Every structure is written in C-alpha cells, then in structure tokens.
C-alpha cells in the first residue's frame, strides 16, 4: 500500500507539461492539502481543470486557493463541490 504525499504529487504536476485535467477527489486533503495545491497553482501554467471535490476542504483551504487563483492564468475550471468551505470560503472564492 503506497501513499503519495501531496508535496510529491504537486511536484510531479509542476514538472509535467502535458497533463491539463487532473482529479484528486475523496482523498481527505483538508485545508493543509488545499494549501499545498494552492502553492502549486500559483506557478502552474499547464492545468486547465482541477477537481478537488469531497476532500474536507474548509474556509482556510478555500482562502488559500483563492489567493493562488489570482496568480494563475491557466486554470479555467476548479471543482470544490462536496467540501465544507463555509460562508467566508465561498465569499473569498466568488470575489
């Protein structure tokens, strides 16, 4: 049973120049995993679609993703359904 860390996964994605659509759903990322993805997204120019649904992401993770998306010009679609973003997280993402 191998476990891949989020840091290793985002490092691989950062070096990959062909993957444009990626799904990491139901993996229990939580806010810490969302923050790791946020750091990755700040500089990523390849991904156009990312599915982070059903990962227990809360307000802090949503806010981190929001900040990353301000810098990312490639991502066109992100699925955050089935998370617990809270009112503040939703407001941050919609603004």
PDB file of N, CA and C in Angstrom:
ATOM      1  N   UNK A   1       0.837  -1.186   0.000  1.00  0.00           N
ATOM      2  CA  UNK A   1       0.000   0.000   0.000  1.00  0.00           C
ATOM      3  C   UNK A   1       0.878   1.244   0.000  1.00  0.00           C
ATOM      4  N   UNK A   2       0.967   1.914  -1.136  1.00  0.00           N
ATOM      5  CA  UNK A   2       1.799   3.103  -1.259  1.00  0.00           C
ATOM      6  C   UNK A   2       0.959   4.354  -1.034  1.00  0.00           C
ATOM      7  N   UNK A   3       1.534   5.294  -0.316  1.00  0.00           N
ATOM      8  CA  UNK A   3       0.877   6.568  -0.092  1.00  0.00           C
ATOM      9  C   UNK A   3       1.729   7.645  -0.732  1.00  0.00           C
ATOM     10  N   UNK A   4       1.117   8.448  -1.589  1.00  0.00           N
ATOM     11  CA  UNK A   4       1.826   9.539  -2.242  1.00  0.00           C
ATOM     12  C   UNK A   4       1.499  10.814  -1.501  1.00  0.00           C
ATOM     13  N   UNK A   5       2.511  11.543  -1.085  1.00  0.00           N
ATOM     14  CA  UNK A   5       2.272  12.794  -0.383  1.00  0.00           C
ATOM     15  C   UNK A   5       1.801  13.864  -1.372  1.00  0.00           C
ATOM     16  N   UNK A   6       1.060  14.819  -0.846  1.00  0.00           N
ATOM     17  CA  UNK A   6       0.585  15.922  -1.679  1.00  0.00           C
ATOM     18  C   UNK A   6       1.777  16.693  -2.239  1.00  0.00           C
ATOM     19  N   UNK A   7       2.820  16.869  -1.445  1.00  0.00           N
ATOM     20  CA  UNK A   7       4.012  17.581  -1.915  1.00  0.00           C
ATOM     21  C   UNK A   7       4.641  16.860  -3.111  1.00  0.00           C
ATOM     22  N   UNK A   8       4.737  15.531  -3.036  1.00  0.00           N
ATOM     23  CA  UNK A   8       5.302  14.759  -4.157  1.00  0.00           C
ATOM     24  C   UNK A   8       4.404  14.847  -5.380  1.00  0.00           C
ATOM     25  N   UNK A   9       3.100  14.792  -5.148  1.00  0.00           N
ATOM     26  CA  UNK A   9       2.146  14.878  -6.255  1.00  0.00           C
ATOM     27  C   UNK A   9       2.209  16.239  -6.944  1.00  0.00           C
ATOM     28  N   UNK A  10       2.205  17.305  -6.166  1.00  0.00           N
ATOM     29  CA  UNK A  10       2.254  18.640  -6.774  1.00  0.00           C
ATOM     30  C   UNK A  10       3.608  18.900  -7.424  1.00  0.00           C
ATOM     31  N   UNK A  11       4.669  18.309  -6.881  1.00  0.00           N
ATOM     32  CA  UNK A  11       5.984  18.436  -7.509  1.00  0.00           C
ATOM     33  C   UNK A  11       5.974  17.758  -8.882  1.00  0.00           C
ATOM     34  N   UNK A  12       5.389  16.580  -8.954  1.00  0.00           N
ATOM     35  CA  UNK A  12       5.281  15.883 -10.239  1.00  0.00           C
ATOM     36  C   UNK A  12       4.440  16.691 -11.229  1.00  0.00           C
ATOM     37  N   UNK A  13       3.312  17.207 -10.751  1.00  0.00           N
ATOM     38  CA  UNK A  13       2.450  18.011 -11.624  1.00  0.00           C
ATOM     39  C   UNK A  13       3.176  19.256 -12.126  1.00  0.00           C
ATOM     40  N   UNK A  14       3.978  19.861 -11.265  1.00  0.00           N
ATOM     41  CA  UNK A  14       4.703  21.076 -11.652  1.00  0.00           C
ATOM     42  C   UNK A  14       5.681  20.793 -12.792  1.00  0.00           C
ATOM     43  N   UNK A  15       6.297  19.627 -12.768  1.00  0.00           N
ATOM     44  CA  UNK A  15       7.274  19.271 -13.803  1.00  0.00           C
ATOM     45  C   UNK A  15       6.614  18.754 -15.064  1.00  0.00           C
ATOM     46  N   UNK A  16       5.360  18.339 -14.970  1.00  0.00           N
ATOM     47  CA  UNK A  16       4.655  17.765 -16.105  1.00  0.00           C
ATOM     48  C   UNK A  16       4.103  18.884 -17.001  1.00  0.00           C
ATOM     49  N   UNK A  17       4.306  18.756 -18.286  1.00  0.00           N
ATOM     50  CA  UNK A  17       3.840  19.789 -19.213  1.00  0.00           C
ATOM     51  C   UNK A  17       2.720  19.299 -20.131  1.00  0.00           C
ATOM     52  N   UNK A  18       2.188  18.100 -19.871  1.00  0.00           N
ATOM     53  CA  UNK A  18       1.147  17.571 -20.750  1.00  0.00           C
ATOM     54  C   UNK A  18      -0.208  17.387 -20.063  1.00  0.00           C
ATOM     55  N   UNK A  19      -0.228  17.195 -18.762  1.00  0.00           N
ATOM     56  CA  UNK A  19      -1.484  16.982 -18.047  1.00  0.00           C
ATOM     57  C   UNK A  19      -2.225  18.315 -17.924  1.00  0.00           C
ATOM     58  N   UNK A  20      -3.439  18.358 -18.469  1.00  0.00           N
ATOM     59  CA  UNK A  20      -4.229  19.585 -18.392  1.00  0.00           C
ATOM     60  C   UNK A  20      -5.470  19.419 -17.520  1.00  0.00           C
ATOM     61  N   UNK A  21      -5.878  18.190 -17.264  1.00  0.00           N
ATOM     62  CA  UNK A  21      -7.077  17.897 -16.485  1.00  0.00           C
ATOM     63  C   UNK A  21      -6.699  16.900 -15.399  1.00  0.00           C
ATOM     64  N   UNK A  22      -6.921  17.265 -14.122  1.00  0.00           N
ATOM     65  CA  UNK A  22      -6.482  16.399 -13.028  1.00  0.00           C
ATOM     66  C   UNK A  22      -7.550  16.331 -11.954  1.00  0.00           C
ATOM     67  N   UNK A  23      -7.757  15.149 -11.403  1.00  0.00           N
ATOM     68  CA  UNK A  23      -8.778  14.932 -10.382  1.00  0.00           C
ATOM     69  C   UNK A  23      -8.174  14.289  -9.139  1.00  0.00           C
ATOM     70  N   UNK A  24      -8.401  14.927  -8.006  1.00  0.00           N
ATOM     71  CA  UNK A  24      -7.998  14.398  -6.709  1.00  0.00           C
ATOM     72  C   UNK A  24      -9.213  14.521  -5.809  1.00  0.00           C
ATOM     73  N   UNK A  25     -10.162  13.610  -5.982  1.00  0.00           N
ATOM     74  CA  UNK A  25     -11.393  13.706  -5.203  1.00  0.00           C
ATOM     75  C   UNK A  25     -11.455  12.595  -4.166  1.00  0.00           C
ATOM     76  N   UNK A  26     -12.123  12.884  -3.074  1.00  0.00           N
ATOM     77  CA  UNK A  26     -12.323  11.941  -1.971  1.00  0.00           C
ATOM     78  C   UNK A  26     -11.007  11.417  -1.411  1.00  0.00           C
ATOM     79  N   UNK A  27     -10.034  12.299  -1.258  1.00  0.00           N
ATOM     80  CA  UNK A  27      -8.731  11.887  -0.735  1.00  0.00           C
ATOM     81  C   UNK A  27      -8.436  12.462   0.650  1.00  0.00           C
ATOM     82  N   UNK A  28      -9.371  13.198   1.219  1.00  0.00           N
ATOM     83  CA  UNK A  28      -9.174  13.747   2.555  1.00  0.00           C
ATOM     84  C   UNK A  28      -8.073  14.781   2.640  1.00  0.00           C
ATOM     85  N   UNK A  29      -7.936  15.609   1.622  1.00  0.00           N
ATOM     86  CA  UNK A  29      -6.884  16.629   1.609  1.00  0.00           C
ATOM     87  C   UNK A  29      -6.992  17.604   2.777  1.00  0.00           C
ATOM     88  N   UNK A  30      -8.199  18.024   3.097  1.00  0.00           N
ATOM     89  CA  UNK A  30      -8.393  19.017   4.150  1.00  0.00           C
ATOM     90  C   UNK A  30      -7.772  20.350   3.770  1.00  0.00           C
ATOM     91  N   UNK A  31      -7.709  21.240   4.742  1.00  0.00           N
ATOM     92  CA  UNK A  31      -7.151  22.572   4.488  1.00  0.00           C
ATOM     93  C   UNK A  31      -5.661  22.516   4.168  1.00  0.00           C
ATOM     94  N   UNK A  32      -4.905  21.639   4.851  1.00  0.00           N
ATOM     95  CA  UNK A  32      -3.463  21.560   4.601  1.00  0.00           C
ATOM     96  C   UNK A  32      -3.162  21.116   3.174  1.00  0.00           C
ATOM     97  N   UNK A  33      -3.881  20.120   2.691  1.00  0.00           N
ATOM     98  CA  UNK A  33      -3.694  19.668   1.314  1.00  0.00           C
ATOM     99  C   UNK A  33      -4.108  20.727   0.314  1.00  0.00           C
ATOM    100  N   UNK A  34      -5.185  21.453   0.618  1.00  0.00           N
ATOM    101  CA  UNK A  34      -5.623  22.535  -0.263  1.00  0.00           C
ATOM    102  C   UNK A  34      -4.570  23.632  -0.317  1.00  0.00           C
ATOM    103  N   UNK A  35      -3.937  23.905   0.825  1.00  0.00           N
ATOM    104  CA  UNK A  35      -2.870  24.918   0.855  1.00  0.00           C
ATOM    105  C   UNK A  35      -1.679  24.472   0.014  1.00  0.00           C
ATOM    106  N   UNK A  36      -1.358  23.167   0.054  1.00  0.00           N
ATOM    107  CA  UNK A  36      -0.276  22.642  -0.793  1.00  0.00           C
ATOM    108  C   UNK A  36      -0.630  22.801  -2.270  1.00  0.00           C
ATOM    109  N   UNK A  37      -1.866  22.488  -2.625  1.00  0.00           N
ATOM    110  CA  UNK A  37      -2.294  22.674  -4.014  1.00  0.00           C
ATOM    111  C   UNK A  37      -2.279  24.153  -4.392  1.00  0.00           C
ATOM    112  N   UNK A  38      -2.618  25.015  -3.462  1.00  0.00           N
ATOM    113  CA  UNK A  38      -2.609  26.454  -3.723  1.00  0.00           C
ATOM    114  C   UNK A  38      -1.198  26.926  -4.071  1.00  0.00           C
ATOM    115  N   UNK A  39      -0.212  26.464  -3.320  1.00  0.00           N
ATOM    116  CA  UNK A  39       1.175  26.844  -3.613  1.00  0.00           C
ATOM    117  C   UNK A  39       1.578  26.389  -5.009  1.00  0.00           C
ATOM    118  N   UNK A  40       1.170  25.173  -5.360  1.00  0.00           N
ATOM    119  CA  UNK A  40       1.452  24.631  -6.686  1.00  0.00           C
ATOM    120  C   UNK A  40       0.775  25.457  -7.778  1.00  0.00           C
ATOM    121  N   UNK A  41      -0.486  25.835  -7.544  1.00  0.00           N
ATOM    122  CA  UNK A  41      -1.258  26.552  -8.564  1.00  0.00           C
ATOM    123  C   UNK A  41      -0.725  27.946  -8.862  1.00  0.00           C
ATOM    124  N   UNK A  42      -0.047  28.544  -7.907  1.00  0.00           N
ATOM    125  CA  UNK A  42       0.467  29.906  -8.107  1.00  0.00           C
ATOM    126  C   UNK A  42       1.359  30.006  -9.340  1.00  0.00           C
ATOM    127  N   UNK A  43       2.108  28.956  -9.619  1.00  0.00           N
ATOM    128  CA  UNK A  43       3.076  28.997 -10.719  1.00  0.00           C
ATOM    129  C   UNK A  43       2.770  28.034 -11.853  1.00  0.00           C
ATOM    130  N   UNK A  44       1.707  27.258 -11.724  1.00  0.00           N
ATOM    131  CA  UNK A  44       1.396  26.273 -12.755  1.00  0.00           C
ATOM    132  C   UNK A  44       0.799  26.936 -13.992  1.00  0.00           C
ATOM    133  N   UNK A  45       1.268  26.533 -15.147  1.00  0.00           N
ATOM    134  CA  UNK A  45       0.769  27.099 -16.406  1.00  0.00           C
ATOM    135  C   UNK A  45       0.175  26.028 -17.319  1.00  0.00           C
ATOM    136  N   UNK A  46       0.021  24.803 -16.813  1.00  0.00           N
ATOM    137  CA  UNK A  46      -0.438  23.693 -17.640  1.00  0.00           C
ATOM    138  C   UNK A  46      -1.869  23.266 -17.353  1.00  0.00           C
ATOM    139  N   UNK A  47      -2.219  23.096 -16.085  1.00  0.00           N
ATOM    140  CA  UNK A  47      -3.556  22.608 -15.746  1.00  0.00           C
ATOM    141  C   UNK A  47      -4.634  23.618 -16.133  1.00  0.00           C
ATOM    142  N   UNK A  48      -5.656  23.111 -16.795  1.00  0.00           N
ATOM    143  CA  UNK A  48      -6.812  23.951 -17.114  1.00  0.00           C
ATOM    144  C   UNK A  48      -8.039  23.534 -16.327  1.00  0.00           C
ATOM    145  N   UNK A  49      -8.029  22.315 -15.763  1.00  0.00           N
ATOM    146  CA  UNK A  49      -9.162  21.817 -14.996  1.00  0.00           C
ATOM    147  C   UNK A  49      -8.655  20.999 -13.813  1.00  0.00           C
ATOM    148  N   UNK A  50      -9.194  21.283 -12.617  1.00  0.00           N
ATOM    149  CA  UNK A  50      -8.772  20.589 -11.408  1.00  0.00           C
ATOM    150  C   UNK A  50      -9.999  20.237 -10.580  1.00  0.00           C
ATOM    151  N   UNK A  51     -10.107  18.978 -10.193  1.00  0.00           N
ATOM    152  CA  UNK A  51     -11.218  18.501  -9.372  1.00  0.00           C
ATOM    153  C   UNK A  51     -10.691  18.190  -7.975  1.00  0.00           C
ATOM    154  N   UNK A  52     -11.112  18.977  -6.990  1.00  0.00           N
ATOM    155  CA  UNK A  52     -10.762  18.755  -5.593  1.00  0.00           C
ATOM    156  C   UNK A  52     -12.018  18.486  -4.769  1.00  0.00           C
ATOM    157  N   UNK A  53     -13.023  17.901  -5.390  1.00  0.00           N
ATOM    158  CA  UNK A  53     -14.303  17.685  -4.715  1.00  0.00           C
ATOM    159  C   UNK A  53     -14.191  16.643  -3.601  1.00  0.00           C
ATOM    160  N   UNK A  54     -15.047  16.817  -2.587  1.00  0.00           N
ATOM    161  CA  UNK A  54     -15.200  15.868  -1.486  1.00  0.00           C
ATOM    162  C   UNK A  54     -13.876  15.563  -0.795  1.00  0.00           C
ATOM    163  N   UNK A  55     -13.178  16.606  -0.366  1.00  0.00           N
ATOM    164  CA  UNK A  55     -11.880  16.456   0.282  1.00  0.00           C
ATOM    165  C   UNK A  55     -11.802  17.074   1.666  1.00  0.00           C
ATOM    166  N   UNK A  56     -12.928  17.492   2.222  1.00  0.00           N
ATOM    167  CA  UNK A  56     -12.898  18.081   3.558  1.00  0.00           C
ATOM    168  C   UNK A  56     -12.195  19.421   3.610  1.00  0.00           C
ATOM    169  N   UNK A  57     -12.201  20.137   2.508  1.00  0.00           N
ATOM    170  CA  UNK A  57     -11.573  21.461   2.455  1.00  0.00           C
ATOM    171  C   UNK A  57     -12.502  22.457   3.131  1.00  0.00           C
ATOM    172  N   UNK A  58     -11.960  23.236   4.045  1.00  0.00           N
ATOM    173  CA  UNK A  58     -12.726  24.233   4.772  1.00  0.00           C
ATOM    174  C   UNK A  58     -12.403  25.641   4.327  1.00  0.00           C
ATOM    175  N   UNK A  59     -12.765  26.582   5.153  1.00  0.00           N
ATOM    176  CA  UNK A  59     -12.604  28.003   4.849  1.00  0.00           C
ATOM    177  C   UNK A  59     -11.143  28.386   4.590  1.00  0.00           C
ATOM    178  N   UNK A  60     -10.223  27.918   5.435  1.00  0.00           N
ATOM    179  CA  UNK A  60      -8.808  28.277   5.270  1.00  0.00           C
ATOM    180  C   UNK A  60      -8.239  27.751   3.955  1.00  0.00           C
ATOM    181  N   UNK A  61      -8.606  26.532   3.593  1.00  0.00           N
ATOM    182  CA  UNK A  61      -8.155  25.971   2.321  1.00  0.00           C
ATOM    183  C   UNK A  61      -8.728  26.739   1.142  1.00  0.00           C
ATOM    184  N   UNK A  62     -10.005  27.120   1.253  1.00  0.00           N
ATOM    185  CA  UNK A  62     -10.652  27.886   0.184  1.00  0.00           C
ATOM    186  C   UNK A  62      -9.977  29.245   0.007  1.00  0.00           C
ATOM    187  N   UNK A  63      -9.651  29.888   1.114  1.00  0.00           N
ATOM    188  CA  UNK A  63      -8.984  31.195   1.037  1.00  0.00           C
ATOM    189  C   UNK A  63      -7.605  31.074   0.396  1.00  0.00           C
ATOM    190  N   UNK A  64      -6.866  30.018   0.730  1.00  0.00           N
ATOM    191  CA  UNK A  64      -5.542  29.802   0.127  1.00  0.00           C
ATOM    192  C   UNK A  64      -5.674  29.566  -1.375  1.00  0.00           C
ATOM    193  N   UNK A  65      -6.662  28.769  -1.778  1.00  0.00           N
ATOM    194  CA  UNK A  65      -6.889  28.522  -3.206  1.00  0.00           C
ATOM    195  C   UNK A  65      -7.272  29.811  -3.917  1.00  0.00           C
ATOM    196  N   UNK A  66      -8.073  30.625  -3.262  1.00  0.00           N
ATOM    197  CA  UNK A  66      -8.489  31.903  -3.845  1.00  0.00           C
ATOM    198  C   UNK A  66      -7.274  32.780  -4.146  1.00  0.00           C
ATOM    199  N   UNK A  67      -6.363  32.882  -3.205  1.00  0.00           N
ATOM    200  CA  UNK A  67      -5.158  33.686  -3.404  1.00  0.00           C
ATOM    201  C   UNK A  67      -4.318  33.132  -4.559  1.00  0.00           C
ATOM    202  N   UNK A  68      -4.217  31.817  -4.642  1.00  0.00           N
ATOM    203  CA  UNK A  68      -3.441  31.190  -5.719  1.00  0.00           C
ATOM    204  C   UNK A  68      -4.069  31.451  -7.077  1.00  0.00           C
ATOM    205  N   UNK A  69      -5.379  31.428  -7.134  1.00  0.00           N
ATOM    206  CA  UNK A  69      -6.073  31.615  -8.410  1.00  0.00           C
ATOM    207  C   UNK A  69      -5.918  33.038  -8.944  1.00  0.00           C
ATOM    208  N   UNK A  70      -5.613  33.968  -8.068  1.00  0.00           N
ATOM    209  CA  UNK A  70      -5.353  35.339  -8.520  1.00  0.00           C
ATOM    210  C   UNK A  70      -4.090  35.401  -9.376  1.00  0.00           C
ATOM    211  N   UNK A  71      -3.145  34.501  -9.113  1.00  0.00           N
ATOM    212  CA  UNK A  71      -1.882  34.469  -9.852  1.00  0.00           C
ATOM    213  C   UNK A  71      -1.913  33.503 -11.033  1.00  0.00           C
ATOM    214  N   UNK A  72      -2.825  32.553 -11.012  1.00  0.00           N
ATOM    215  CA  UNK A  72      -2.872  31.515 -12.039  1.00  0.00           C
ATOM    216  C   UNK A  72      -3.763  31.956 -13.201  1.00  0.00           C
ATOM    217  N   UNK A  73      -3.203  31.943 -14.399  1.00  0.00           N
ATOM    218  CA  UNK A  73      -3.969  32.344 -15.580  1.00  0.00           C
ATOM    219  C   UNK A  73      -4.372  31.154 -16.451  1.00  0.00           C
ATOM    220  N   UNK A  74      -3.903  29.967 -16.121  1.00  0.00           N
ATOM    221  CA  UNK A  74      -4.179  28.792 -16.952  1.00  0.00           C
ATOM    222  C   UNK A  74      -5.458  28.065 -16.535  1.00  0.00           C
ATOM    223  N   UNK A  75      -5.703  27.947 -15.244  1.00  0.00           N
ATOM    224  CA  UNK A  75      -6.827  27.160 -14.754  1.00  0.00           C
ATOM    225  C   UNK A  75      -8.153  27.811 -15.115  1.00  0.00           C
ATOM    226  N   UNK A  76      -9.001  27.060 -15.790  1.00  0.00           N
ATOM    227  CA  UNK A  76     -10.310  27.561 -16.224  1.00  0.00           C
ATOM    228  C   UNK A  76     -11.447  26.965 -15.414  1.00  0.00           C
ATOM    229  N   UNK A  77     -11.207  25.804 -14.764  1.00  0.00           N
ATOM    230  CA  UNK A  77     -12.266  25.123 -14.031  1.00  0.00           C
ATOM    231  C   UNK A  77     -11.686  24.460 -12.786  1.00  0.00           C
ATOM    232  N   UNK A  78     -12.337  24.694 -11.646  1.00  0.00           N
ATOM    233  CA  UNK A  78     -11.959  24.006 -10.413  1.00  0.00           C
ATOM    234  C   UNK A  78     -13.240  23.538  -9.738  1.00  0.00           C
ATOM    235  N   UNK A  79     -13.288  22.267  -9.383  1.00  0.00           N
ATOM    236  CA  UNK A  79     -14.460  21.681  -8.735  1.00  0.00           C
ATOM    237  C   UNK A  79     -14.166  21.549  -7.250  1.00  0.00           C
ATOM    238  N   UNK A  80     -14.891  22.327  -6.441  1.00  0.00           N
ATOM    239  CA  UNK A  80     -14.750  22.271  -4.995  1.00  0.00           C
ATOM    240  C   UNK A  80     -16.044  21.811  -4.326  1.00  0.00           C
ATOM    241  N   UNK A  81     -16.888  21.131  -5.083  1.00  0.00           N
ATOM    242  CA  UNK A  81     -18.157  20.659  -4.531  1.00  0.00           C
ATOM    243  C   UNK A  81     -17.909  19.624  -3.436  1.00  0.00           C
ATOM    244  N   UNK A  82     -18.913  19.440  -2.593  1.00  0.00           N
ATOM    245  CA  UNK A  82     -18.872  18.441  -1.531  1.00  0.00           C
ATOM    246  C   UNK A  82     -17.754  18.700  -0.516  1.00  0.00           C
ATOM    247  N   UNK A  83     -17.355  19.965  -0.339  1.00  0.00           N
ATOM    248  CA  UNK A  83     -16.405  20.354   0.692  1.00  0.00           C
ATOM    249  C   UNK A  83     -17.147  21.196   1.715  1.00  0.00           C
ATOM    250  N   UNK A  84     -16.460  21.598   2.759  1.00  0.00           N
ATOM    251  CA  UNK A  84     -17.069  22.399   3.821  1.00  0.00           C
ATOM    252  C   UNK A  84     -16.421  23.785   3.820  1.00  0.00           C
ATOM    253  N   UNK A  85     -16.605  24.530   2.717  1.00  0.00           N
ATOM    254  CA  UNK A  85     -15.926  25.807   2.530  1.00  0.00           C
ATOM    255  C   UNK A  85     -16.405  26.883   3.495  1.00  0.00           C
ATOM    256  N   UNK A  86     -17.620  26.786   3.947  1.00  0.00           N
ATOM    257  CA  UNK A  86     -18.176  27.798   4.835  1.00  0.00           C
ATOM    258  C   UNK A  86     -18.487  29.079   4.078  1.00  0.00           C
ATOM    259  N   UNK A  87     -19.230  29.954   4.722  1.00  0.00           N
ATOM    260  CA  UNK A  87     -19.634  31.210   4.088  1.00  0.00           C
ATOM    261  C   UNK A  87     -18.430  32.054   3.684  1.00  0.00           C
ATOM    262  N   UNK A  88     -17.440  32.193   4.582  1.00  0.00           N
ATOM    263  CA  UNK A  88     -16.268  33.014   4.277  1.00  0.00           C
ATOM    264  C   UNK A  88     -15.449  32.444   3.123  1.00  0.00           C
ATOM    265  N   UNK A  89     -15.350  31.126   3.044  1.00  0.00           N
ATOM    266  CA  UNK A  89     -14.626  30.498   1.939  1.00  0.00           C
ATOM    267  C   UNK A  89     -15.307  30.716   0.616  1.00  0.00           C
ATOM    268  N   UNK A  90     -16.631  30.610   0.597  1.00  0.00           N
ATOM    269  CA  UNK A  90     -17.395  30.827  -0.623  1.00  0.00           C
ATOM    270  C   UNK A  90     -17.301  32.285  -1.051  1.00  0.00           C
ATOM    271  N   UNK A  91     -17.382  33.186  -0.092  1.00  0.00           N
ATOM    272  CA  UNK A  91     -17.267  34.623  -0.402  1.00  0.00           C
ATOM    273  C   UNK A  91     -15.894  34.927  -0.980  1.00  0.00           C
ATOM    274  N   UNK A  92     -14.851  34.355  -0.398  1.00  0.00           N
ATOM    275  CA  UNK A  92     -13.482  34.578  -0.907  1.00  0.00           C
ATOM    276  C   UNK A  92     -13.353  34.093  -2.338  1.00  0.00           C
ATOM    277  N   UNK A  93     -13.900  32.927  -2.631  1.00  0.00           N
ATOM    278  CA  UNK A  93     -13.794  32.374  -3.984  1.00  0.00           C
ATOM    279  C   UNK A  93     -14.644  33.122  -5.001  1.00  0.00           C
ATOM    280  N   UNK A  94     -15.741  33.686  -4.558  1.00  0.00           N
ATOM    281  CA  UNK A  94     -16.629  34.377  -5.506  1.00  0.00           C
ATOM    282  C   UNK A  94     -16.193  35.808  -5.765  1.00  0.00           C
ATOM    283  N   UNK A  95     -15.309  36.334  -4.935  1.00  0.00           N
ATOM    284  CA  UNK A  95     -14.904  37.737  -5.080  1.00  0.00           C
ATOM    285  C   UNK A  95     -13.719  37.876  -5.872  1.00  0.00           C
TER     286      UNK A  95
END
